[in-house]
Amino acid sequence: MKIHKGLEDLPEFRNAVVTSGTFDGVHLGHGKLLEKIRFLSKENAGETVLMTFWPHPRIVLDKNKESLRLLTSMDEKIELLSRAGIDHLIVVPFTKEFSETSSQEFIEDILVKKLNTRVLVIGYNHRFGHNRAGSFEELKKNSGQFGFKVHEISREEVDRIAVSSTKIRNFLAGKNIREANALLGRPYFFSGHVVRGRAIGKGMGFPTANIENNEPHKLLPGEGVYAVRLRHDESDYGGMMNIGHRPTFEDSGLKIEVHVFDFDKEIYGEKVEVSVLDFIREEQKFKNAEELKQQLEKDKKQAINVLNSSL
């Protein structure tokens, strides 16, 4: 997949089959659309072109942007779209000025002049341009004049799989991990760098990688203990994760700690990826470290069962 930053200096795409949107999560609903553009690109001897926006439009336009939580950072989105077999990804810098592009300007200046679109594929509720005024009807009206075809993924096709980014966010916030992963078509994951902690876990025989989340708007599951896989240096390891405030030790601030099974490498400062497989239990306060250790032994057995069942 070739990545193009911005709309300037683009190559001349061959029979471009285009779609656009935020694609947060790159979930199964998006997969339906990606499958369609791949099919149409073969049918038209063309190339697939996906245009997305960063920062997320709501970060730029929403007054309540601090509460916005995303399913994918830009780097994660790039990785997932690359796996999906897209030929060209265009990342458009989203600004207040860009948001004022009218729907007609979007069609003429971007879809026609910049992308030389031959086929455009959109979801049934897709809106575009200033104040989201552009619609499927407007695209159809312009398609004949500018020589491109428009395909709309029907409401029936989308409703059949009943997937939305909002549903996935709600499942994750409610710790319904299996349900969220089913809609994603893969385990939910996040990335971060390993930082030094207080080494309390190590003293109990459960050393942890303390992870600093790299993306401030990235959605993390609700506080609690989870079965996870940690990816480091292209290798995967089973483990269990706690997200919370470590009430037994009266810590302040949210911590993300992963105890990785059968792992003894020093990876401070290195980037890791954590895939969340299932929720195990709520975070709780224990009387002392020994009582916590006993619970961690039980958590480990449960996490291993989850990991074995996910193979």
Protein backbone atom coordinates (compact mmCIF):
# COMPACT_ATOMS: atom_id res chain seq x y z
CA MET A 1 0.00 0.00 0.00
CA LYS A 2 1.32 3.41 -0.98
CA ILE A 3 0.70 6.23 1.50
CA HIS A 4 0.18 9.80 0.27
CA LYS A 5 0.17 12.66 2.76
CA GLY A 6 -2.16 15.36 1.53
CA LEU A 7 -3.76 16.01 -1.84
CA GLU A 8 -0.78 17.57 -3.60
CA ASP A 9 1.64 15.73 -5.90
CA LEU A 10 -0.56 12.68 -6.25
CA PRO A 11 0.23 10.16 -8.99
CA GLU A 12 -2.17 9.60 -11.86
CA PHE A 13 -4.27 6.74 -10.55
CA ARG A 14 -5.32 4.04 -13.00
CA ASN A 15 -9.13 3.83 -13.19
CA ALA A 16 -9.37 4.91 -9.55
CA VAL A 17 -12.00 3.12 -7.47
CA VAL A 18 -12.38 5.52 -4.54
CA THR A 19 -13.91 5.60 -1.09
CA SER A 20 -13.47 8.10 1.72
CA GLY A 21 -14.23 8.47 5.42
CA THR A 22 -12.70 8.36 8.89
CA PHE A 23 -12.69 4.52 9.07
CA ASP A 24 -12.24 4.57 12.85
CA GLY A 25 -11.68 0.99 13.98
CA VAL A 26 -11.58 -0.48 10.45
CA HIS A 27 -14.32 -2.86 11.63
CA LEU A 28 -16.44 -5.45 9.82
CA GLY A 29 -18.79 -2.77 8.50
CA HIS A 30 -15.85 -1.00 6.89
CA GLY A 31 -14.72 -4.39 5.63
CA LYS A 32 -17.90 -4.64 3.54
CA LEU A 33 -17.00 -1.40 1.81
CA LEU A 34 -13.33 -2.36 1.35
CA GLU A 35 -14.40 -5.68 -0.15
CA LYS A 36 -16.58 -3.77 -2.64
CA ILE A 37 -13.80 -1.44 -3.83
CA ARG A 38 -11.40 -4.37 -4.25
CA PHE A 39 -14.00 -6.20 -6.34
CA LEU A 40 -14.76 -3.14 -8.48
CA SER A 41 -11.07 -2.37 -9.01
CA LYS A 42 -10.60 -5.83 -10.55
CA GLU A 43 -13.74 -5.42 -12.62
CA ASN A 44 -12.50 -2.06 -13.94
CA ALA A 45 -8.78 -2.96 -14.18
CA GLY A 46 -8.15 -0.14 -11.74
CA GLU A 47 -6.56 0.75 -8.40
CA THR A 48 -8.21 1.10 -5.00
CA VAL A 49 -7.85 4.56 -3.47
CA LEU A 50 -8.97 5.27 0.10
CA MET A 51 -9.03 8.83 1.40
CA THR A 52 -9.15 9.41 5.13
CA PHE A 53 -8.64 12.40 7.43
CA TRP A 54 -6.33 13.16 10.34
CA PRO A 55 -6.83 14.53 12.92
CA HIS A 56 -10.28 13.04 13.27
CA PRO A 57 -12.78 15.77 12.21
CA ARG A 58 -14.37 15.82 15.67
CA ILE A 59 -11.02 16.71 17.25
CA VAL A 60 -10.96 19.83 15.08
CA LEU A 61 -14.65 20.77 15.13
CA ASP A 62 -16.20 19.37 18.31
CA LYS A 63 -16.32 21.61 21.39
CA ASN A 64 -16.29 18.45 23.53
CA LYS A 65 -13.23 16.99 21.78
CA GLU A 66 -11.56 16.12 25.10
CA SER A 67 -14.18 13.42 25.64
CA LEU A 68 -13.65 11.90 22.17
CA ARG A 69 -12.21 8.40 22.23
CA LEU A 70 -11.03 6.71 19.04
CA LEU A 71 -10.76 3.02 18.21
CA THR A 72 -7.62 3.53 16.09
CA SER A 73 -4.72 5.95 16.00
CA MET A 74 -3.50 6.96 12.55
CA ASP A 75 -0.62 4.46 12.69
CA GLU A 76 -3.00 1.66 13.67
CA LYS A 77 -5.42 2.62 10.91
CA ILE A 78 -2.59 2.54 8.36
CA GLU A 79 -1.59 -0.94 9.54
CA LEU A 80 -5.14 -2.30 9.33
CA LEU A 81 -5.82 -0.80 5.90
CA SER A 82 -2.53 -2.20 4.64
CA ARG A 83 -3.67 -5.66 5.77
CA ALA A 84 -6.92 -5.07 3.86
CA GLY A 85 -5.08 -4.90 0.54
CA ILE A 86 -5.69 -1.24 -0.38
CA ASP A 87 -3.45 0.09 -3.18
CA HIS A 88 -3.35 3.78 -2.19
CA LEU A 89 -4.10 5.53 1.11
CA ILE A 90 -4.42 9.32 1.06
CA VAL A 91 -4.21 10.96 4.50
CA VAL A 92 -5.72 14.43 4.25
CA PRO A 93 -4.78 16.90 7.03
CA PHE A 94 -8.16 17.91 8.46
CA THR A 95 -8.33 21.61 9.36
CA LYS A 96 -11.06 24.16 10.02
CA GLU A 97 -10.36 25.57 6.55
CA PHE A 98 -10.72 22.14 4.91
CA SER A 99 -14.02 21.60 6.77
CA GLU A 100 -15.46 24.60 4.89
CA THR A 101 -15.02 22.88 1.50
CA SER A 102 -18.49 22.78 -0.05
CA SER A 103 -19.89 19.47 -1.27
CA GLN A 104 -19.68 20.68 -4.89
CA GLU A 105 -16.04 21.73 -4.43
CA PHE A 106 -15.35 18.34 -2.88
CA ILE A 107 -16.73 16.62 -5.97
CA GLU A 108 -15.08 18.81 -8.57
CA ASP A 109 -11.76 19.74 -6.96
CA ILE A 110 -11.00 16.53 -5.08
CA LEU A 111 -12.88 13.56 -6.53
CA VAL A 112 -12.55 14.68 -10.15
CA LYS A 113 -9.43 16.86 -10.47
CA LYS A 114 -7.22 15.40 -7.73
CA LEU A 115 -8.21 11.73 -7.78
CA ASN A 116 -9.57 11.32 -11.31
CA THR A 117 -12.26 9.07 -9.83
CA ARG A 118 -13.77 6.46 -12.12
CA VAL A 119 -15.87 4.65 -9.50
CA LEU A 120 -16.91 5.98 -6.08
CA VAL A 121 -18.16 3.68 -3.33
CA ILE A 122 -19.95 5.08 -0.26
CA GLY A 123 -22.02 3.82 2.66
CA TYR A 124 -25.79 4.39 2.65
CA ASN A 125 -25.59 7.26 5.17
CA HIS A 126 -22.40 8.87 3.84
CA ARG A 127 -22.32 12.69 4.00
CA PHE A 128 -19.52 14.99 2.88
CA GLY A 129 -18.55 18.63 2.42
CA HIS A 130 -19.26 21.68 4.60
CA ASN A 131 -21.86 20.92 7.28
CA ARG A 132 -22.09 17.39 5.79
CA ALA A 133 -24.42 18.75 3.14
CA GLY A 134 -23.30 16.41 0.34
CA SER A 135 -25.39 13.29 -0.32
CA PHE A 136 -25.69 10.25 -2.59
CA GLU A 137 -28.25 12.15 -4.67
CA GLU A 138 -25.78 14.99 -5.29
CA LEU A 139 -23.09 12.51 -6.31
CA LYS A 140 -25.49 10.79 -8.75
CA LYS A 141 -26.45 14.17 -10.22
CA ASN A 142 -22.76 14.98 -10.87
CA SER A 143 -21.59 11.54 -11.93
CA GLY A 144 -22.76 11.75 -15.53
CA GLN A 145 -21.26 15.19 -16.08
CA PHE A 146 -17.87 14.24 -14.66
CA GLY A 147 -17.69 10.69 -15.93
CA PHE A 148 -17.65 8.59 -12.75
CA LYS A 149 -19.98 5.91 -11.40
CA VAL A 150 -21.36 5.82 -7.85
CA HIS A 151 -22.04 2.65 -5.85
CA GLU A 152 -23.85 2.85 -2.52
CA ILE A 153 -23.59 0.09 0.08
CA SER A 154 -27.27 -0.41 0.91
CA ARG A 155 -28.74 0.02 4.36
CA GLU A 156 -29.83 -3.63 4.24
CA GLU A 157 -26.23 -4.79 3.69
CA VAL A 158 -24.96 -2.68 6.60
CA ASP A 159 -27.84 -3.47 8.96
CA ARG A 160 -27.42 -7.18 8.27
CA ILE A 161 -24.06 -7.15 10.03
CA ALA A 162 -25.21 -4.54 12.58
CA VAL A 163 -21.79 -2.96 13.09
CA SER A 164 -20.94 0.60 14.09
CA SER A 165 -17.97 2.32 15.75
CA THR A 166 -20.33 3.60 18.46
CA LYS A 167 -21.47 0.08 19.34
CA ILE A 168 -17.86 -1.07 19.60
CA ARG A 169 -16.92 1.89 21.82
CA ASN A 170 -19.84 1.14 24.14
CA PHE A 171 -18.90 -2.54 24.36
CA LEU A 172 -15.28 -1.68 25.21
CA ALA A 173 -16.25 0.91 27.82
CA GLY A 174 -18.58 -1.68 29.36
CA LYS A 175 -15.82 -4.35 29.32
CA ASN A 176 -17.79 -6.53 26.91
CA ILE A 177 -14.61 -7.46 25.07
CA ARG A 178 -15.82 -10.53 23.20
CA GLU A 179 -18.76 -8.57 21.77
CA ALA A 180 -16.49 -5.70 20.69
CA ASN A 181 -14.00 -8.08 19.08
CA ALA A 182 -16.79 -9.87 17.21
CA LEU A 183 -17.82 -6.57 15.58
CA LEU A 184 -14.21 -5.66 14.82
CA GLY A 185 -13.46 -9.06 13.32
CA ARG A 186 -10.22 -9.14 15.34
CA PRO A 187 -9.00 -8.44 18.88
CA TYR A 188 -9.06 -4.78 19.92
CA PHE A 189 -5.53 -3.49 20.33
CA PHE A 190 -3.60 -0.41 21.41
CA SER A 191 0.08 0.57 21.29
CA GLY A 192 2.41 2.25 23.74
CA HIS A 193 5.93 2.47 25.11
CA VAL A 194 7.16 0.58 28.17
CA VAL A 195 8.09 2.88 31.07
CA ARG A 196 9.58 2.22 34.50
CA GLY A 197 7.23 1.61 37.40
CA ARG A 198 7.67 0.91 41.12
CA ALA A 199 8.51 -2.79 40.57
CA ILE A 200 5.85 -3.86 43.09
CA GLY A 201 4.69 -6.69 40.85
CA LYS A 202 8.22 -7.98 40.45
CA GLY A 203 8.52 -8.32 44.21
CA MET A 204 5.45 -10.58 44.22
CA GLY A 205 6.68 -12.74 41.36
CA PHE A 206 4.48 -10.96 38.81
CA PRO A 207 6.72 -8.44 37.03
CA THR A 208 4.81 -6.09 34.75
CA ALA A 209 5.49 -3.97 31.71
CA ASN A 210 4.09 -0.53 32.54
CA ILE A 211 2.72 0.90 29.32
CA GLU A 212 2.30 4.55 28.43
CA ASN A 213 -0.51 5.08 25.95
CA ASN A 214 0.84 7.03 22.94
CA GLU A 215 -2.45 8.41 21.63
CA PRO A 216 -4.36 10.78 23.97
CA HIS A 217 -7.70 10.15 22.24
CA LYS A 218 -7.32 6.36 22.08
CA LEU A 219 -10.10 4.45 23.80
CA LEU A 220 -8.95 2.06 26.52
CA PRO A 221 -11.24 -0.63 27.96
CA GLY A 222 -12.79 0.09 31.36
CA GLU A 223 -10.74 -0.46 34.52
CA GLY A 224 -10.12 -4.08 35.46
CA VAL A 225 -8.10 -7.21 34.69
CA TYR A 226 -7.94 -8.69 31.19
CA ALA A 227 -6.46 -11.60 29.25
CA VAL A 228 -4.19 -10.14 26.54
CA ARG A 229 -1.51 -10.81 23.98
CA LEU A 230 1.51 -8.53 23.87
CA ARG A 231 3.41 -8.06 20.62
CA HIS A 232 7.06 -7.03 20.80
CA ASP A 233 9.66 -7.16 18.06
CA GLU A 234 7.33 -9.18 15.78
CA SER A 235 6.75 -11.88 18.43
CA ASP A 236 3.53 -12.50 20.39
CA TYR A 237 3.29 -13.41 24.09
CA GLY A 238 0.34 -14.28 26.29
CA GLY A 239 -0.31 -12.25 29.42
CA MET A 240 -2.77 -10.48 31.68
CA MET A 241 -3.32 -6.77 32.05
CA ASN A 242 -4.58 -4.49 34.78
CA ILE A 243 -5.95 -1.05 33.94
CA GLY A 244 -6.62 1.00 37.03
CA HIS A 245 -5.28 2.83 40.05
CA ARG A 246 -3.80 -0.05 42.10
CA PRO A 247 -5.96 0.62 45.20
CA THR A 248 -4.10 -1.97 47.31
CA PHE A 249 -1.03 0.28 47.16
CA GLU A 250 -2.95 3.57 47.15
CA ASP A 251 -1.43 4.76 43.89
CA SER A 252 -2.78 7.80 42.11
CA GLY A 253 -3.24 8.08 38.37
CA LEU A 254 -4.36 5.48 35.86
CA LYS A 255 -1.83 2.72 35.19
CA ILE A 256 -1.66 0.14 32.40
CA GLU A 257 0.33 -2.91 33.55
CA VAL A 258 0.86 -6.16 31.64
CA HIS A 259 2.31 -9.28 33.21
CA VAL A 260 3.74 -11.22 30.26
CA PHE A 261 3.96 -14.99 30.65
CA ASP A 262 7.33 -16.68 30.03
CA PHE A 263 9.07 -13.39 29.27
CA ASP A 264 12.26 -12.01 30.84
CA LYS A 265 13.52 -9.34 28.43
CA GLU A 266 14.34 -5.74 29.40
CA ILE A 267 12.18 -3.63 27.08
CA TYR A 268 12.08 -0.21 28.76
CA GLY A 269 11.48 2.52 26.22
CA GLU A 270 10.41 0.09 23.51
CA LYS A 271 7.09 0.05 21.68
CA VAL A 272 4.64 -2.79 22.24
CA GLU A 273 1.15 -3.63 21.00
CA VAL A 274 -1.47 -5.09 23.34
CA SER A 275 -4.43 -7.10 22.00
CA VAL A 276 -7.29 -7.44 24.47
CA LEU A 277 -8.97 -10.86 24.41
CA ASP A 278 -11.40 -10.95 27.35
CA PHE A 279 -12.36 -9.35 30.66
CA ILE A 280 -11.45 -11.33 33.79
CA ARG A 281 -12.52 -9.28 36.80
CA GLU A 282 -12.95 -5.81 38.28
CA GLU A 283 -10.02 -4.11 39.95
CA GLN A 284 -10.30 -4.38 43.73
CA LYS A 285 -8.50 -3.43 46.92
CA PHE A 286 -6.86 -6.27 48.89
CA LYS A 287 -5.81 -6.33 52.56
CA ASN A 288 -2.16 -6.86 51.69
CA ALA A 289 0.30 -7.94 48.98
CA GLU A 290 -0.02 -11.64 49.87
CA GLU A 291 -3.78 -11.62 49.35
CA LEU A 292 -3.28 -9.84 46.03
CA LYS A 293 -0.69 -12.41 44.99
CA GLN A 294 -3.12 -15.24 45.63
CA GLN A 295 -5.70 -13.53 43.43
CA LEU A 296 -3.10 -12.96 40.69
CA GLU A 297 -2.43 -16.71 40.61
CA LYS A 298 -6.14 -17.28 39.96
CA ASP A 299 -6.18 -14.52 37.33
CA LYS A 300 -3.24 -16.13 35.55
CA LYS A 301 -5.00 -19.49 35.31
CA GLN A 302 -8.10 -17.81 33.90
CA ALA A 303 -6.05 -15.77 31.41
CA ILE A 304 -4.25 -18.91 30.22
CA ASN A 305 -7.62 -20.59 29.65
CA VAL A 306 -8.72 -17.63 27.54
CA LEU A 307 -5.48 -17.66 25.59
CA ASN A 308 -5.71 -21.41 24.94
CA SER A 309 -9.30 -21.09 23.73
CA SER A 310 -8.35 -18.28 21.33
CA LEU A 311 -5.67 -20.28 19.49
